[in-house]
N, C-alpha and C. Protein backbone atom coordinates (compact mmCIF):
# COMPACT_ATOMS: atom_id res chain seq x y z
N UNK A 1 1.10 -0.60 0.02
CA UNK A 1 0.23 0.11 0.15
C UNK A 1 0.96 1.08 -0.03
N UNK A 2 0.49 2.09 -0.74
CA UNK A 2 1.37 3.44 -0.88
C UNK A 2 1.55 4.30 0.74
N UNK A 3 2.86 5.15 0.39
CA UNK A 3 2.96 5.78 1.92
C UNK A 3 1.34 6.89 2.97
N UNK A 4 1.35 7.70 1.45
CA UNK A 4 0.18 8.34 1.44
C UNK A 4 -0.92 8.10 1.78
N UNK A 5 -1.07 6.62 1.32
CA UNK A 5 -2.70 6.13 2.16
C UNK A 5 -2.33 5.94 3.68
N UNK A 6 -1.03 5.32 3.57
CA UNK A 6 -1.00 4.61 5.03
C UNK A 6 -1.15 5.75 5.98
N UNK A 7 -0.15 6.96 5.53
CA UNK A 7 -0.66 7.84 6.28
C UNK A 7 -1.80 8.59 6.79
N UNK A 8 -2.60 8.63 5.42
CA UNK A 8 -4.19 9.17 5.47
C UNK A 8 -5.49 8.22 6.32
N UNK A 9 -4.31 7.23 6.47
CA UNK A 9 -5.20 6.25 7.10
C UNK A 9 -4.78 5.84 8.44
N UNK A 10 -3.93 6.32 8.94
CA UNK A 10 -3.24 6.53 10.17
C UNK A 10 -4.39 8.08 10.81
N UNK A 11 -4.33 8.63 9.67
CA UNK A 11 -5.16 10.37 10.48
C UNK A 11 -6.51 10.08 10.84
N UNK A 12 -7.11 9.44 10.33
CA UNK A 12 -8.63 8.35 10.12
C UNK A 12 -8.23 7.04 10.73
N UNK A 13 -8.39 6.64 12.23
CA UNK A 13 -8.81 6.19 12.83
C UNK A 13 -10.09 5.24 12.49
N UNK A 14 -10.85 5.67 12.20
CA UNK A 14 -12.21 4.49 12.02
C UNK A 14 -12.13 4.30 10.55
N UNK A 15 -11.37 4.60 9.60
CA UNK A 15 -11.22 3.83 8.17
C UNK A 15 -9.90 2.60 8.30
N UNK A 16 -9.41 3.16 9.36
CA UNK A 16 -7.89 1.94 9.81
C UNK A 16 -8.93 0.56 10.24
N UNK A 17 -9.90 1.25 11.61
CA UNK A 17 -10.23 0.11 11.92
C UNK A 17 -11.51 -1.00 11.01
N UNK A 18 -12.00 -0.17 9.95
CA UNK A 18 -13.03 -0.47 9.35
C UNK A 18 -11.92 -1.49 8.31
N UNK A 19 -10.65 -1.21 7.89
CA UNK A 19 -10.09 -1.58 6.93
C UNK A 19 -9.45 -3.72 7.56
N UNK A 20 -9.40 -3.11 9.01
CA UNK A 20 -9.37 -3.96 10.12
C UNK A 20 -10.28 -5.38 9.97
N UNK A 21 -11.48 -4.89 9.94
CA UNK A 21 -12.65 -5.84 9.96
C UNK A 21 -12.90 -6.03 7.85
N UNK A 22 -12.02 -5.04 7.59
CA UNK A 22 -12.69 -6.02 5.74
C UNK A 22 -11.77 -5.98 5.30
N UNK A 23 -10.76 -7.04 5.78
CA UNK A 23 -9.05 -7.18 5.15
C UNK A 23 -9.33 -6.59 3.45
N UNK A 24 -9.97 -7.43 2.87
CA UNK A 24 -10.59 -6.70 1.29
C UNK A 24 -9.67 -6.21 0.83
N UNK A 25 -9.84 -4.82 1.38
CA UNK A 25 -9.78 -3.64 1.27
C UNK A 25 -8.19 -2.81 1.20
N UNK A 26 -7.22 -3.87 1.79
CA UNK A 26 -6.00 -3.88 1.74
C UNK A 26 -5.66 -4.36 0.23
N UNK A 27 -5.85 -5.23 -0.32
CA UNK A 27 -5.78 -5.57 -1.58
C UNK A 27 -6.46 -4.16 -2.41
N UNK A 28 -7.71 -4.17 -2.34
CA UNK A 28 -8.11 -3.12 -3.56
C UNK A 28 -7.30 -1.76 -2.96
N UNK A 29 -6.84 -1.31 -1.73
CA UNK A 29 -6.41 0.01 -1.82
C UNK A 29 -4.64 -0.07 -2.74
N UNK A 30 -4.08 -1.36 -2.38
CA UNK A 30 -3.23 -1.81 -2.98
C UNK A 30 -3.10 -1.24 -4.57
N UNK A 31 -3.94 -2.29 -5.09
CA UNK A 31 -3.99 -2.86 -6.53
C UNK A 31 -4.84 -1.13 -7.07
N UNK A 32 -5.58 -0.38 -6.41
CA UNK A 32 -6.29 1.08 -6.99
C UNK A 32 -5.74 1.85 -6.17
N UNK A 33 -5.27 2.67 -5.13
CA UNK A 33 -5.26 3.57 -4.08
C UNK A 33 -6.55 5.09 -4.73
N UNK A 34 -6.45 4.45 -6.12
CA UNK A 34 -8.24 5.63 -5.82
C UNK A 34 -9.77 5.57 -5.24
N UNK A 35 -9.95 4.09 -5.05
CA UNK A 35 -10.67 4.14 -4.13
C UNK A 35 -10.60 4.27 -3.15
N UNK A 36 -10.09 5.32 -2.61
CA UNK A 36 -9.96 5.69 -0.78
C UNK A 36 -11.23 6.37 -1.24
N UNK A 37 -12.42 6.86 -1.82
CA UNK A 37 -13.65 7.46 -2.38
C UNK A 37 -14.15 6.55 -1.66
N UNK A 38 -14.28 5.20 -2.30
CA UNK A 38 -15.06 4.11 -2.56
C UNK A 38 -14.91 3.55 -0.69
N UNK A 39 -13.87 3.23 -0.35
CA UNK A 39 -13.41 3.15 1.21
C UNK A 39 -14.47 4.16 1.85
N UNK A 40 -14.23 5.31 1.85
CA UNK A 40 -14.91 6.19 3.26
C UNK A 40 -16.70 6.31 2.87
N UNK A 41 -16.97 6.15 1.74
CA UNK A 41 -18.11 6.15 0.84
C UNK A 41 -18.64 4.69 2.49
N UNK A 42 -18.11 3.33 2.17
CA UNK A 42 -18.83 2.45 2.48
C UNK A 42 -18.58 1.66 4.46
N UNK A 43 -17.66 2.67 4.58
CA UNK A 43 -17.15 3.07 5.90
C UNK A 43 -18.05 3.97 6.43
N UNK A 44 -18.70 4.84 5.69
CA UNK A 44 -19.60 5.52 6.22
C UNK A 44 -21.13 4.81 6.18
N UNK A 45 -21.12 4.06 5.62
CA UNK A 45 -22.38 3.62 5.29
C UNK A 45 -22.56 2.30 6.32
N UNK A 46 -21.41 2.33 6.85
CA UNK A 46 -21.32 0.64 8.13
C UNK A 46 -21.43 1.46 9.12
N UNK A 47 -20.91 2.34 9.43
CA UNK A 47 -20.78 2.96 10.69
C UNK A 47 -21.83 4.21 10.97
N UNK A 48 -22.64 3.82 10.30
CA UNK A 48 -23.87 5.01 10.12
C UNK A 48 -24.48 6.41 10.15
N UNK A 49 -23.13 6.44 8.94
CA UNK A 49 -22.98 8.38 9.49
C UNK A 49 -23.29 8.64 8.13
N UNK A 50 -24.49 8.13 6.98
CA UNK A 50 -24.57 9.12 6.24
C UNK A 50 -25.44 9.83 6.29
N UNK A 51 -26.34 11.01 5.66
CA UNK A 51 -27.42 11.67 6.39
C UNK A 51 -28.74 10.61 6.54
N UNK A 52 -29.31 10.49 5.71
CA UNK A 52 -30.04 9.37 5.32
C UNK A 52 -30.22 8.63 6.44
N UNK A 53 -28.77 8.07 7.36
CA UNK A 53 -29.48 7.17 8.33
C UNK A 53 -29.20 8.16 9.15
N UNK A 54 -28.54 9.58 9.69
CA UNK A 54 -28.55 10.34 10.81
C UNK A 54 -30.06 10.90 10.72
N UNK A 55 -30.75 11.29 10.00
CA UNK A 55 -32.00 11.30 9.57
C UNK A 55 -33.05 11.02 10.96
N UNK A 56 -32.67 9.13 10.16
CA UNK A 56 -33.54 7.91 11.07
C UNK A 56 -32.60 8.26 12.24
N UNK A 57 -31.99 7.61 12.92
CA UNK A 57 -31.80 7.75 13.89
C UNK A 57 -32.33 8.74 14.92
N UNK A 58 -32.55 10.49 14.45
CA UNK A 58 -33.01 11.62 15.11
C UNK A 58 -33.98 11.42 15.17
N UNK A 59 -35.01 11.24 14.40
CA UNK A 59 -37.07 10.76 13.72
C UNK A 59 -37.22 9.62 15.39
N UNK A 60 -35.57 8.54 15.03
CA UNK A 60 -36.21 7.36 16.15
C UNK A 60 -36.48 8.09 18.05
N UNK A 61 -35.09 9.29 17.99
CA UNK A 61 -35.51 9.60 19.02
C UNK A 61 -36.10 10.42 19.35
N UNK A 62 -36.65 11.48 18.02
CA UNK A 62 -37.87 12.14 18.88
C UNK A 62 -39.11 11.11 19.08
N UNK A 63 -39.35 10.10 18.77
CA UNK A 63 -40.45 8.98 18.84
C UNK A 63 -40.68 8.44 20.09
N UNK A 64 -39.11 8.20 20.03
CA UNK A 64 -38.93 8.00 21.93
C UNK A 64 -39.14 8.64 22.93
N UNK A 65 -39.09 10.61 22.45
CA UNK A 65 -39.25 10.96 23.43
C UNK A 65 -40.87 11.07 23.36
N UNK A 66 -41.28 11.30 22.59
CA UNK A 66 -42.68 11.44 22.00
C UNK A 66 -43.54 10.60 23.26
N UNK A 67 -42.80 9.75 23.26
CA UNK A 67 -43.51 8.42 24.15
C UNK A 67 -43.31 8.21 25.73
N UNK A 68 -42.03 8.95 25.41
CA UNK A 68 -42.02 9.24 27.46
C UNK A 68 -43.06 10.67 27.53
N UNK A 69 -43.09 11.37 26.96
CA UNK A 69 -44.08 12.25 27.22
C UNK A 69 -45.57 11.91 27.27
N UNK A 70 -45.92 10.91 26.65
CA UNK A 70 -47.24 10.77 26.65
C UNK A 70 -47.09 10.15 27.95
N UNK A 71 -46.00 9.13 27.90
CA UNK A 71 -46.46 8.22 29.53
C UNK A 71 -46.11 9.16 31.02
N UNK A 72 -45.76 10.40 30.99
CA UNK A 72 -45.43 10.83 31.99
C UNK A 72 -47.01 11.75 32.27
N UNK A 73 -47.62 12.88 31.23
CA UNK A 73 -48.99 12.67 31.24
C UNK A 73 -50.02 11.85 31.39
N UNK A 74 -50.08 10.37 31.77
CA UNK A 74 -50.55 10.10 31.41
C UNK A 74 -50.64 9.39 33.29
N UNK A 75 -49.10 9.40 33.53
CA UNK A 75 -49.17 9.19 35.03
C UNK A 75 -49.80 10.57 36.10
N UNK A 76 -49.37 11.52 35.60
CA UNK A 76 -50.25 12.49 36.28
C UNK A 76 -51.21 13.12 36.28
N UNK A 77 -51.52 12.49 35.33
CA UNK A 77 -53.37 11.96 35.84
C UNK A 77 -53.82 11.45 36.62
N UNK A 78 -53.09 10.09 36.53
CA UNK A 78 -53.79 8.75 36.88
C UNK A 78 -53.42 9.80 38.64
């Protein structure tokens, strides 16, 4: 693997850990260093860091808060 890719991965510990989990990326980056963007995209999906995944997680948190507030209002009525 090229030195500049290794240095970049040293700066991005999340990508370095992702590559350890998925060793096929060692071979892929060694053969084609331009696949670094593809690695970042796949790792972002793996770590649930895409915008859509963040929005879904936020919606789930809002629903949980609404449910808790509903339960609190029911308890206050009793």
